[in-house]
Amino acid sequence: MSNILMLSFYDLPHYLKNCFLYCSAFPEDYLIKRKRIVRLWVAEGFIEERDGMTMEDIAEQYLNELVLRNLLHAGKRNNWERLKSFCMHDLVREMAISISKKQKFCSAQK
């Protein structure tokens, strides 16, 4: 199972890897709010600028891509089907924590 998860990570485009690993810093089973993570990713400099789009819109695209790849689990949605919150599955989080430690990205407690 872990090999499949690792393949999923290594298959990510470079611009999504830091965003994904950053989510592992949140506690287990924690519902992360979309607005919060979008602002944090922008503040950390993980978002690549694109013409005609705000940094927040790009960050939301990154988030939706991670959900579509099943690396993040969609939680609540608003009336317009826009993601309000999400979480990280325990096994995925453990893998992300392991990668984060190896890459000296961040440190989180299991």
PDB file of N, CA and C in Angstrom:
ATOM      1  N   MET A   1       0.821  -1.197   0.000  1.00  0.00           N
ATOM      2  CA  MET A   1       0.000   0.000   0.000  1.00  0.00           C
ATOM      3  C   MET A   1       0.860   1.255   0.000  1.00  0.00           C
ATOM      4  N   SER A   2       1.905   1.259   0.812  1.00  0.00           N
ATOM      5  CA  SER A   2       2.732   2.462   0.899  1.00  0.00           C
ATOM      6  C   SER A   2       3.431   2.756  -0.427  1.00  0.00           C
ATOM      7  N   ASN A   3       3.768   1.719  -1.197  1.00  0.00           N
ATOM      8  CA  ASN A   3       4.392   1.946  -2.507  1.00  0.00           C
ATOM      9  C   ASN A   3       3.443   2.672  -3.450  1.00  0.00           C
ATOM     10  N   ILE A   4       2.180   2.326  -3.387  1.00  0.00           N
ATOM     11  CA  ILE A   4       1.177   2.983  -4.227  1.00  0.00           C
ATOM     12  C   ILE A   4       1.034   4.443  -3.816  1.00  0.00           C
ATOM     13  N   LEU A   5       1.004   4.692  -2.517  1.00  0.00           N
ATOM     14  CA  LEU A   5       0.907   6.069  -2.028  1.00  0.00           C
ATOM     15  C   LEU A   5       2.142   6.881  -2.422  1.00  0.00           C
ATOM     16  N   MET A   6       3.302   6.268  -2.332  1.00  0.00           N
ATOM     17  CA  MET A   6       4.534   6.957  -2.712  1.00  0.00           C
ATOM     18  C   MET A   6       4.518   7.297  -4.200  1.00  0.00           C
ATOM     19  N   LEU A   7       4.013   6.374  -5.015  1.00  0.00           N
ATOM     20  CA  LEU A   7       3.891   6.637  -6.451  1.00  0.00           C
ATOM     21  C   LEU A   7       2.980   7.826  -6.706  1.00  0.00           C
ATOM     22  N   SER A   8       1.893   7.896  -5.957  1.00  0.00           N
ATOM     23  CA  SER A   8       0.963   9.019  -6.092  1.00  0.00           C
ATOM     24  C   SER A   8       1.657  10.337  -5.786  1.00  0.00           C
ATOM     25  N   PHE A   9       2.502  10.333  -4.764  1.00  0.00           N
ATOM     26  CA  PHE A   9       3.224  11.551  -4.412  1.00  0.00           C
ATOM     27  C   PHE A   9       4.231  11.918  -5.494  1.00  0.00           C
ATOM     28  N   TYR A  10       5.039  10.946  -5.915  1.00  0.00           N
ATOM     29  CA  TYR A  10       6.080  11.248  -6.891  1.00  0.00           C
ATOM     30  C   TYR A  10       5.511  11.587  -8.266  1.00  0.00           C
ATOM     31  N   ASP A  11       4.259  11.218  -8.511  1.00  0.00           N
ATOM     32  CA  ASP A  11       3.585  11.553  -9.758  1.00  0.00           C
ATOM     33  C   ASP A  11       3.029  12.984  -9.748  1.00  0.00           C
ATOM     34  N   LEU A  12       3.018  13.617  -8.590  1.00  0.00           N
ATOM     35  CA  LEU A  12       2.494  14.985  -8.483  1.00  0.00           C
ATOM     36  C   LEU A  12       3.383  15.966  -9.238  1.00  0.00           C
ATOM     37  N   PRO A  13       2.792  16.964  -9.863  1.00  0.00           N
ATOM     38  CA  PRO A  13       3.612  18.043 -10.434  1.00  0.00           C
ATOM     39  C   PRO A  13       4.335  18.769  -9.303  1.00  0.00           C
ATOM     40  N   HIS A  14       5.475  19.360  -9.605  1.00  0.00           N
ATOM     41  CA  HIS A  14       6.298  19.980  -8.563  1.00  0.00           C
ATOM     42  C   HIS A  14       5.537  21.037  -7.759  1.00  0.00           C
ATOM     43  N   TYR A  15       4.635  21.764  -8.402  1.00  0.00           N
ATOM     44  CA  TYR A  15       3.933  22.845  -7.710  1.00  0.00           C
ATOM     45  C   TYR A  15       2.920  22.341  -6.683  1.00  0.00           C
ATOM     46  N   LEU A  16       2.555  21.065  -6.730  1.00  0.00           N
ATOM     47  CA  LEU A  16       1.609  20.515  -5.754  1.00  0.00           C
ATOM     48  C   LEU A  16       2.286  19.831  -4.570  1.00  0.00           C
ATOM     49  N   LYS A  17       3.534  19.439  -4.728  1.00  0.00           N
ATOM     50  CA  LYS A  17       4.197  18.647  -3.684  1.00  0.00           C
ATOM     51  C   LYS A  17       4.287  19.385  -2.355  1.00  0.00           C
ATOM     52  N   ASN A  18       4.749  20.626  -2.360  1.00  0.00           N
ATOM     53  CA  ASN A  18       4.865  21.376  -1.100  1.00  0.00           C
ATOM     54  C   ASN A  18       3.496  21.621  -0.473  1.00  0.00           C
ATOM     55  N   CYS A  19       2.511  21.905  -1.304  1.00  0.00           N
ATOM     56  CA  CYS A  19       1.158  22.134  -0.785  1.00  0.00           C
ATOM     57  C   CYS A  19       0.642  20.878  -0.092  1.00  0.00           C
ATOM     58  N   PHE A  20       0.860  19.737  -0.716  1.00  0.00           N
ATOM     59  CA  PHE A  20       0.429  18.465  -0.140  1.00  0.00           C
ATOM     60  C   PHE A  20       1.153  18.192   1.178  1.00  0.00           C
ATOM     61  N   LEU A  21       2.469  18.311   1.176  1.00  0.00           N
ATOM     62  CA  LEU A  21       3.243  18.033   2.392  1.00  0.00           C
ATOM     63  C   LEU A  21       2.870  18.982   3.523  1.00  0.00           C
ATOM     64  N   TYR A  22       2.565  20.211   3.195  1.00  0.00           N
ATOM     65  CA  TYR A  22       2.189  21.201   4.203  1.00  0.00           C
ATOM     66  C   TYR A  22       0.953  20.754   4.990  1.00  0.00           C
ATOM     67  N   CYS A  23       0.036  20.066   4.327  1.00  0.00           N
ATOM     68  CA  CYS A  23      -1.193  19.612   4.991  1.00  0.00           C
ATOM     69  C   CYS A  23      -0.913  18.596   6.091  1.00  0.00           C
ATOM     70  N   SER A  24       0.221  17.907   6.019  1.00  0.00           N
ATOM     71  CA  SER A  24       0.539  16.906   7.044  1.00  0.00           C
ATOM     72  C   SER A  24       0.907  17.553   8.375  1.00  0.00           C
ATOM     73  N   ALA A  25       1.137  18.852   8.397  1.00  0.00           N
ATOM     74  CA  ALA A  25       1.476  19.547   9.635  1.00  0.00           C
ATOM     75  C   ALA A  25       0.261  19.734  10.544  1.00  0.00           C
ATOM     76  N   PHE A  26      -0.933  19.551   9.985  1.00  0.00           N
ATOM     77  CA  PHE A  26      -2.148  19.662  10.788  1.00  0.00           C
ATOM     78  C   PHE A  26      -2.383  18.360  11.544  1.00  0.00           C
ATOM     79  N   PRO A  27      -3.052  18.426  12.698  1.00  0.00           N
ATOM     80  CA  PRO A  27      -3.289  17.217  13.502  1.00  0.00           C
ATOM     81  C   PRO A  27      -4.119  16.167  12.755  1.00  0.00           C
ATOM     82  N   GLU A  28      -3.977  14.935  13.191  1.00  0.00           N
ATOM     83  CA  GLU A  28      -4.735  13.818  12.619  1.00  0.00           C
ATOM     84  C   GLU A  28      -6.236  14.072  12.755  1.00  0.00           C
ATOM     85  N   ASP A  29      -6.989  13.753  11.714  1.00  0.00           N
ATOM     86  CA  ASP A  29      -8.449  13.898  11.668  1.00  0.00           C
ATOM     87  C   ASP A  29      -8.918  15.351  11.813  1.00  0.00           C
ATOM     88  N   TYR A  30      -8.063  16.293  11.546  1.00  0.00           N
ATOM     89  CA  TYR A  30      -8.399  17.707  11.655  1.00  0.00           C
ATOM     90  C   TYR A  30      -9.049  18.169  10.361  1.00  0.00           C
ATOM     91  N   LEU A  31     -10.180  18.848  10.473  1.00  0.00           N
ATOM     92  CA  LEU A  31     -10.833  19.419   9.288  1.00  0.00           C
ATOM     93  C   LEU A  31     -10.179  20.761   8.991  1.00  0.00           C
ATOM     94  N   ILE A  32      -9.486  20.834   7.872  1.00  0.00           N
ATOM     95  CA  ILE A  32      -8.771  22.041   7.468  1.00  0.00           C
ATOM     96  C   ILE A  32      -9.710  22.883   6.606  1.00  0.00           C
ATOM     97  N   LYS A  33      -9.834  24.131   6.939  1.00  0.00           N
ATOM     98  CA  LYS A  33     -10.713  25.019   6.174  1.00  0.00           C
ATOM     99  C   LYS A  33     -10.007  25.508   4.909  1.00  0.00           C
ATOM    100  N   ARG A  34     -10.762  25.531   3.816  1.00  0.00           N
ATOM    101  CA  ARG A  34     -10.240  25.942   2.519  1.00  0.00           C
ATOM    102  C   ARG A  34      -9.607  27.329   2.579  1.00  0.00           C
ATOM    103  N   LYS A  35     -10.320  28.286   3.133  1.00  0.00           N
ATOM    104  CA  LYS A  35      -9.813  29.666   3.179  1.00  0.00           C
ATOM    105  C   LYS A  35      -8.478  29.740   3.923  1.00  0.00           C
ATOM    106  N   ARG A  36      -8.383  28.975   5.000  1.00  0.00           N
ATOM    107  CA  ARG A  36      -7.162  29.008   5.810  1.00  0.00           C
ATOM    108  C   ARG A  36      -5.975  28.456   5.036  1.00  0.00           C
ATOM    109  N   ILE A  37      -6.161  27.278   4.416  1.00  0.00           N
ATOM    110  CA  ILE A  37      -5.023  26.653   3.726  1.00  0.00           C
ATOM    111  C   ILE A  37      -4.619  27.475   2.505  1.00  0.00           C
ATOM    112  N   VAL A  38      -5.592  28.047   1.817  1.00  0.00           N
ATOM    113  CA  VAL A  38      -5.295  28.879   0.648  1.00  0.00           C
ATOM    114  C   VAL A  38      -4.409  30.051   1.069  1.00  0.00           C
ATOM    115  N   ARG A  39      -4.764  30.713   2.139  1.00  0.00           N
ATOM    116  CA  ARG A  39      -3.984  31.860   2.618  1.00  0.00           C
ATOM    117  C   ARG A  39      -2.594  31.440   3.104  1.00  0.00           C
ATOM    118  N   LEU A  40      -2.530  30.292   3.758  1.00  0.00           N
ATOM    119  CA  LEU A  40      -1.233  29.799   4.237  1.00  0.00           C
ATOM    120  C   LEU A  40      -0.310  29.451   3.077  1.00  0.00           C
ATOM    121  N   TRP A  41      -0.846  28.766   2.072  1.00  0.00           N
ATOM    122  CA  TRP A  41      -0.025  28.409   0.903  1.00  0.00           C
ATOM    123  C   TRP A  41       0.495  29.654   0.184  1.00  0.00           C
ATOM    124  N   VAL A  42      -0.368  30.656   0.065  1.00  0.00           N
ATOM    125  CA  VAL A  42       0.047  31.912  -0.575  1.00  0.00           C
ATOM    126  C   VAL A  42       1.151  32.555   0.256  1.00  0.00           C
ATOM    127  N   ALA A  43       0.954  32.629   1.572  1.00  0.00           N
ATOM    128  CA  ALA A  43       1.931  33.255   2.463  1.00  0.00           C
ATOM    129  C   ALA A  43       3.272  32.519   2.452  1.00  0.00           C
ATOM    130  N   GLU A  44       3.230  31.201   2.312  1.00  0.00           N
ATOM    131  CA  GLU A  44       4.463  30.406   2.294  1.00  0.00           C
ATOM    132  C   GLU A  44       5.191  30.487   0.956  1.00  0.00           C
ATOM    133  N   GLY A  45       4.541  31.019  -0.056  1.00  0.00           N
ATOM    134  CA  GLY A  45       5.177  31.147  -1.365  1.00  0.00           C
ATOM    135  C   GLY A  45       5.073  29.905  -2.226  1.00  0.00           C
ATOM    136  N   PHE A  46       4.094  29.043  -1.947  1.00  0.00           N
ATOM    137  CA  PHE A  46       3.930  27.799  -2.706  1.00  0.00           C
ATOM    138  C   PHE A  46       3.177  27.986  -4.025  1.00  0.00           C
ATOM    139  N   ILE A  47       2.552  29.114  -4.196  1.00  0.00           N
ATOM    140  CA  ILE A  47       1.676  29.328  -5.342  1.00  0.00           C
ATOM    141  C   ILE A  47       2.436  30.051  -6.449  1.00  0.00           C
ATOM    142  N   GLU A  48       2.390  29.467  -7.646  1.00  0.00           N
ATOM    143  CA  GLU A  48       3.043  30.070  -8.805  1.00  0.00           C
ATOM    144  C   GLU A  48       2.062  31.019  -9.487  1.00  0.00           C
ATOM    145  N   GLU A  49       2.509  32.219  -9.782  1.00  0.00           N
ATOM    146  CA  GLU A  49       1.640  33.219 -10.411  1.00  0.00           C
ATOM    147  C   GLU A  49       1.255  32.812 -11.831  1.00  0.00           C
ATOM    148  N   ARG A  50       0.030  33.179 -12.198  1.00  0.00           N
ATOM    149  CA  ARG A  50      -0.470  32.982 -13.558  1.00  0.00           C
ATOM    150  C   ARG A  50      -1.193  34.252 -13.964  1.00  0.00           C
ATOM    151  N   ASP A  51      -1.064  34.605 -15.234  1.00  0.00           N
ATOM    152  CA  ASP A  51      -1.717  35.816 -15.732  1.00  0.00           C
ATOM    153  C   ASP A  51      -3.230  35.710 -15.605  1.00  0.00           C
ATOM    154  N   GLY A  52      -3.836  36.795 -15.147  1.00  0.00           N
ATOM    155  CA  GLY A  52      -5.285  36.885 -15.090  1.00  0.00           C
ATOM    156  C   GLY A  52      -5.941  36.148 -13.935  1.00  0.00           C
ATOM    157  N   MET A  53      -5.153  35.603 -13.005  1.00  0.00           N
ATOM    158  CA  MET A  53      -5.719  34.877 -11.867  1.00  0.00           C
ATOM    159  C   MET A  53      -5.116  35.399 -10.572  1.00  0.00           C
ATOM    160  N   THR A  54      -5.933  35.410  -9.534  1.00  0.00           N
ATOM    161  CA  THR A  54      -5.407  35.785  -8.222  1.00  0.00           C
ATOM    162  C   THR A  54      -4.672  34.586  -7.632  1.00  0.00           C
ATOM    163  N   MET A  55      -3.795  34.859  -6.707  1.00  0.00           N
ATOM    164  CA  MET A  55      -3.047  33.786  -6.035  1.00  0.00           C
ATOM    165  C   MET A  55      -4.012  32.844  -5.314  1.00  0.00           C
ATOM    166  N   GLU A  56      -5.078  33.400  -4.744  1.00  0.00           N
ATOM    167  CA  GLU A  56      -6.059  32.589  -4.030  1.00  0.00           C
ATOM    168  C   GLU A  56      -6.791  31.633  -4.979  1.00  0.00           C
ATOM    169  N   ASP A  57      -7.123  32.114  -6.179  1.00  0.00           N
ATOM    170  CA  ASP A  57      -7.784  31.249  -7.161  1.00  0.00           C
ATOM    171  C   ASP A  57      -6.873  30.101  -7.596  1.00  0.00           C
ATOM    172  N   ILE A  58      -5.615  30.407  -7.772  1.00  0.00           N
ATOM    173  CA  ILE A  58      -4.650  29.374  -8.149  1.00  0.00           C
ATOM    174  C   ILE A  58      -4.514  28.359  -7.029  1.00  0.00           C
ATOM    175  N   ALA A  59      -4.431  28.838  -5.788  1.00  0.00           N
ATOM    176  CA  ALA A  59      -4.319  27.942  -4.636  1.00  0.00           C
ATOM    177  C   ALA A  59      -5.544  27.031  -4.540  1.00  0.00           C
ATOM    178  N   GLU A  60      -6.716  27.559  -4.821  1.00  0.00           N
ATOM    179  CA  GLU A  60      -7.929  26.728  -4.807  1.00  0.00           C
ATOM    180  C   GLU A  60      -7.867  25.669  -5.898  1.00  0.00           C
ATOM    181  N   GLN A  61      -7.301  26.008  -7.043  1.00  0.00           N
ATOM    182  CA  GLN A  61      -7.121  25.012  -8.101  1.00  0.00           C
ATOM    183  C   GLN A  61      -6.188  23.905  -7.625  1.00  0.00           C
ATOM    184  N   TYR A  62      -5.110  24.273  -6.943  1.00  0.00           N
ATOM    185  CA  TYR A  62      -4.188  23.282  -6.398  1.00  0.00           C
ATOM    186  C   TYR A  62      -4.924  22.349  -5.430  1.00  0.00           C
ATOM    187  N   LEU A  63      -5.716  22.944  -4.550  1.00  0.00           N
ATOM    188  CA  LEU A  63      -6.466  22.163  -3.572  1.00  0.00           C
ATOM    189  C   LEU A  63      -7.418  21.195  -4.262  1.00  0.00           C
ATOM    190  N   ASN A  64      -8.151  21.685  -5.245  1.00  0.00           N
ATOM    191  CA  ASN A  64      -9.081  20.818  -5.972  1.00  0.00           C
ATOM    192  C   ASN A  64      -8.351  19.690  -6.691  1.00  0.00           C
ATOM    193  N   GLU A  65      -7.171  19.976  -7.212  1.00  0.00           N
ATOM    194  CA  GLU A  65      -6.393  18.935  -7.889  1.00  0.00           C
ATOM    195  C   GLU A  65      -5.950  17.852  -6.901  1.00  0.00           C
ATOM    196  N   LEU A  66      -5.549  18.248  -5.707  1.00  0.00           N
ATOM    197  CA  LEU A  66      -5.158  17.266  -4.686  1.00  0.00           C
ATOM    198  C   LEU A  66      -6.353  16.413  -4.252  1.00  0.00           C
ATOM    199  N   VAL A  67      -7.530  17.014  -4.188  1.00  0.00           N
ATOM    200  CA  VAL A  67      -8.744  16.261  -3.852  1.00  0.00           C
ATOM    201  C   VAL A  67      -9.084  15.288  -4.984  1.00  0.00           C
ATOM    202  N   LEU A  68      -8.991  15.752  -6.218  1.00  0.00           N
ATOM    203  CA  LEU A  68      -9.279  14.881  -7.366  1.00  0.00           C
ATOM    204  C   LEU A  68      -8.307  13.707  -7.459  1.00  0.00           C
ATOM    205  N   ARG A  69      -7.092  13.901  -6.989  1.00  0.00           N
ATOM    206  CA  ARG A  69      -6.095  12.829  -6.979  1.00  0.00           C
ATOM    207  C   ARG A  69      -6.250  11.923  -5.751  1.00  0.00           C
ATOM    208  N   ASN A  70      -7.252  12.200  -4.930  1.00  0.00           N
ATOM    209  CA  ASN A  70      -7.555  11.427  -3.721  1.00  0.00           C
ATOM    210  C   ASN A  70      -6.436  11.465  -2.683  1.00  0.00           C
ATOM    211  N   LEU A  71      -5.630  12.505  -2.709  1.00  0.00           N
ATOM    212  CA  LEU A  71      -4.616  12.675  -1.677  1.00  0.00           C
ATOM    213  C   LEU A  71      -5.167  13.460  -0.493  1.00  0.00           C
ATOM    214  N   LEU A  72      -6.207  14.215  -0.735  1.00  0.00           N
ATOM    215  CA  LEU A  72      -6.935  14.906   0.323  1.00  0.00           C
ATOM    216  C   LEU A  72      -8.395  14.505   0.208  1.00  0.00           C
ATOM    217  N   HIS A  73      -9.055  14.415   1.339  1.00  0.00           N
ATOM    218  CA  HIS A  73     -10.450  13.982   1.378  1.00  0.00           C
ATOM    219  C   HIS A  73     -11.366  15.194   1.555  1.00  0.00           C
ATOM    220  N   ALA A  74     -12.256  15.385   0.585  1.00  0.00           N
ATOM    221  CA  ALA A  74     -13.189  16.511   0.646  1.00  0.00           C
ATOM    222  C   ALA A  74     -14.115  16.357   1.840  1.00  0.00           C
ATOM    223  N   GLY A  75     -14.310  17.446   2.533  1.00  0.00           N
ATOM    224  CA  GLY A  75     -15.227  17.468   3.665  1.00  0.00           C
ATOM    225  C   GLY A  75     -16.507  18.160   3.264  1.00  0.00           C
ATOM    226  N   LYS A  76     -16.808  19.240   3.932  1.00  0.00           N
ATOM    227  CA  LYS A  76     -18.033  19.991   3.649  1.00  0.00           C
ATOM    228  C   LYS A  76     -17.887  20.822   2.387  1.00  0.00           C
ATOM    229  N   ARG A  77     -19.038  21.038   1.717  1.00  0.00           N
ATOM    230  CA  ARG A  77     -19.102  21.915   0.546  1.00  0.00           C
ATOM    231  C   ARG A  77     -20.213  22.921   0.784  1.00  0.00           C
ATOM    232  N   ASN A  78     -20.091  24.081   0.160  1.00  0.00           N
ATOM    233  CA  ASN A  78     -21.130  25.090   0.313  1.00  0.00           C
ATOM    234  C   ASN A  78     -22.236  24.872  -0.714  1.00  0.00           C
ATOM    235  N   ASN A  79     -23.186  25.777  -0.787  1.00  0.00           N
ATOM    236  CA  ASN A  79     -24.339  25.638  -1.691  1.00  0.00           C
ATOM    237  C   ASN A  79     -23.944  25.594  -3.161  1.00  0.00           C
ATOM    238  N   TRP A  80     -22.774  26.124  -3.502  1.00  0.00           N
ATOM    239  CA  TRP A  80     -22.311  26.159  -4.891  1.00  0.00           C
ATOM    240  C   TRP A  80     -21.322  25.034  -5.171  1.00  0.00           C
ATOM    241  N   GLU A  81     -21.283  24.040  -4.275  1.00  0.00           N
ATOM    242  CA  GLU A  81     -20.384  22.880  -4.384  1.00  0.00           C
ATOM    243  C   GLU A  81     -18.908  23.252  -4.263  1.00  0.00           C
ATOM    244  N   ARG A  82     -18.647  24.406  -3.717  1.00  0.00           N
ATOM    245  CA  ARG A  82     -17.267  24.825  -3.472  1.00  0.00           C
ATOM    246  C   ARG A  82     -16.798  24.205  -2.160  1.00  0.00           C
ATOM    247  N   LEU A  83     -15.617  23.653  -2.168  1.00  0.00           N
ATOM    248  CA  LEU A  83     -15.064  23.003  -0.994  1.00  0.00           C
ATOM    249  C   LEU A  83     -14.943  23.984   0.164  1.00  0.00           C
ATOM    250  N   LYS A  84     -15.452  23.594   1.334  1.00  0.00           N
ATOM    251  CA  LYS A  84     -15.325  24.434   2.529  1.00  0.00           C
ATOM    252  C   LYS A  84     -14.231  23.911   3.449  1.00  0.00           C
ATOM    253  N   SER A  85     -14.096  22.574   3.499  1.00  0.00           N
ATOM    254  CA  SER A  85     -13.088  21.970   4.362  1.00  0.00           C
ATOM    255  C   SER A  85     -12.675  20.618   3.797  1.00  0.00           C
ATOM    256  N   PHE A  86     -11.558  20.124   4.309  1.00  0.00           N
ATOM    257  CA  PHE A  86     -11.041  18.837   3.867  1.00  0.00           C
ATOM    258  C   PHE A  86     -10.174  18.257   4.978  1.00  0.00           C
ATOM    259  N   CYS A  87      -9.794  17.012   4.822  1.00  0.00           N
ATOM    260  CA  CYS A  87      -8.873  16.396   5.767  1.00  0.00           C
ATOM    261  C   CYS A  87      -7.944  15.454   5.001  1.00  0.00           C
ATOM    262  N   MET A  88      -6.993  14.912   5.719  1.00  0.00           N
ATOM    263  CA  MET A  88      -6.025  13.998   5.134  1.00  0.00           C
ATOM    264  C   MET A  88      -6.233  12.638   5.791  1.00  0.00           C
ATOM    265  N   HIS A  89      -6.363  11.594   4.976  1.00  0.00           N
ATOM    266  CA  HIS A  89      -6.519  10.244   5.511  1.00  0.00           C
ATOM    267  C   HIS A  89      -5.279   9.885   6.331  1.00  0.00           C
ATOM    268  N   ASP A  90      -5.477   9.087   7.368  1.00  0.00           N
ATOM    269  CA  ASP A  90      -4.386   8.743   8.283  1.00  0.00           C
ATOM    270  C   ASP A  90      -3.174   8.139   7.571  1.00  0.00           C
ATOM    271  N   LEU A  91      -3.401   7.183   6.663  1.00  0.00           N
ATOM    272  CA  LEU A  91      -2.282   6.547   5.958  1.00  0.00           C
ATOM    273  C   LEU A  91      -1.556   7.531   5.050  1.00  0.00           C
ATOM    274  N   VAL A  92      -2.311   8.373   4.388  1.00  0.00           N
ATOM    275  CA  VAL A  92      -1.724   9.385   3.512  1.00  0.00           C
ATOM    276  C   VAL A  92      -0.922  10.377   4.348  1.00  0.00           C
ATOM    277  N   ARG A  93      -1.459  10.740   5.495  1.00  0.00           N
ATOM    278  CA  ARG A  93      -0.763  11.686   6.373  1.00  0.00           C
ATOM    279  C   ARG A  93       0.551  11.095   6.883  1.00  0.00           C
ATOM    280  N   GLU A  94       0.531   9.824   7.269  1.00  0.00           N
ATOM    281  CA  GLU A  94       1.760   9.175   7.742  1.00  0.00           C
ATOM    282  C   GLU A  94       2.828   9.177   6.656  1.00  0.00           C
ATOM    283  N   MET A  95       2.412   8.894   5.418  1.00  0.00           N
ATOM    284  CA  MET A  95       3.347   8.918   4.301  1.00  0.00           C
ATOM    285  C   MET A  95       3.894  10.333   4.102  1.00  0.00           C
ATOM    286  N   ALA A  96       3.026  11.334   4.161  1.00  0.00           N
ATOM    287  CA  ALA A  96       3.442  12.723   3.976  1.00  0.00           C
ATOM    288  C   ALA A  96       4.399  13.165   5.088  1.00  0.00           C
ATOM    289  N   ILE A  97       4.135  12.747   6.305  1.00  0.00           N
ATOM    290  CA  ILE A  97       5.026  13.068   7.424  1.00  0.00           C
ATOM    291  C   ILE A  97       6.396  12.452   7.195  1.00  0.00           C
ATOM    292  N   SER A  98       6.424  11.212   6.743  1.00  0.00           N
ATOM    293  CA  SER A  98       7.683  10.518   6.468  1.00  0.00           C
ATOM    294  C   SER A  98       8.477  11.241   5.378  1.00  0.00           C
ATOM    295  N   ILE A  99       7.825  11.616   4.310  1.00  0.00           N
ATOM    296  CA  ILE A  99       8.493  12.342   3.224  1.00  0.00           C
ATOM    297  C   ILE A  99       8.975  13.704   3.717  1.00  0.00           C
ATOM    298  N   SER A 100       8.141  14.383   4.495  1.00  0.00           N
ATOM    299  CA  SER A 100       8.508  15.702   5.028  1.00  0.00           C
ATOM    300  C   SER A 100       9.775  15.626   5.868  1.00  0.00           C
ATOM    301  N   LYS A 101       9.877  14.594   6.681  1.00  0.00           N
ATOM    302  CA  LYS A 101      11.076  14.434   7.525  1.00  0.00           C
ATOM    303  C   LYS A 101      12.304  14.166   6.663  1.00  0.00           C
ATOM    304  N   LYS A 102      12.160  13.278   5.664  1.00  0.00           N
ATOM    305  CA  LYS A 102      13.300  12.957   4.799  1.00  0.00           C
ATOM    306  C   LYS A 102      13.768  14.177   4.017  1.00  0.00           C
ATOM    307  N   GLN A 103      12.827  14.998   3.575  1.00  0.00           N
ATOM    308  CA  GLN A 103      13.163  16.176   2.785  1.00  0.00           C
ATOM    309  C   GLN A 103      13.410  17.414   3.647  1.00  0.00           C
ATOM    310  N   LYS A 104      13.312  17.217   4.978  1.00  0.00           N
ATOM    311  CA  LYS A 104      13.481  18.329   5.929  1.00  0.00           C
ATOM    312  C   LYS A 104      12.543  19.497   5.583  1.00  0.00           C
ATOM    313  N   PHE A 105      11.317  19.127   5.230  1.00  0.00           N
ATOM    314  CA  PHE A 105      10.318  20.118   4.864  1.00  0.00           C
ATOM    315  C   PHE A 105       9.646  20.711   6.093  1.00  0.00           C
ATOM    316  N   CYS A 106       9.061  19.844   6.915  1.00  0.00           N
ATOM    317  CA  CYS A 106       8.471  20.264   8.183  1.00  0.00           C
ATOM    318  C   CYS A 106       8.379  19.054   9.083  1.00  0.00           C
ATOM    319  N   SER A 107       8.104  19.292  10.312  1.00  0.00           N
ATOM    320  CA  SER A 107       8.008  18.199  11.286  1.00  0.00           C
ATOM    321  C   SER A 107       6.637  18.263  11.960  1.00  0.00           C
ATOM    322  N   ALA A 108       5.959  17.128  11.974  1.00  0.00           N
ATOM    323  CA  ALA A 108       4.647  17.047  12.619  1.00  0.00           C
ATOM    324  C   ALA A 108       4.599  15.790  13.467  1.00  0.00           C
ATOM    325  N   GLN A 109       3.822  15.832  14.515  1.00  0.00           N
ATOM    326  CA  GLN A 109       3.675  14.661  15.363  1.00  0.00           C
ATOM    327  C   GLN A 109       2.618  13.752  14.791  1.00  0.00           C
ATOM    328  N   LYS A 110       2.853  12.455  14.912  1.00  0.00           N
ATOM    329  CA  LYS A 110       1.880  11.478  14.445  1.00  0.00           C
ATOM    330  C   LYS A 110       0.755  11.421  15.426  1.00  0.00           C
TER     331      LYS A 110
END
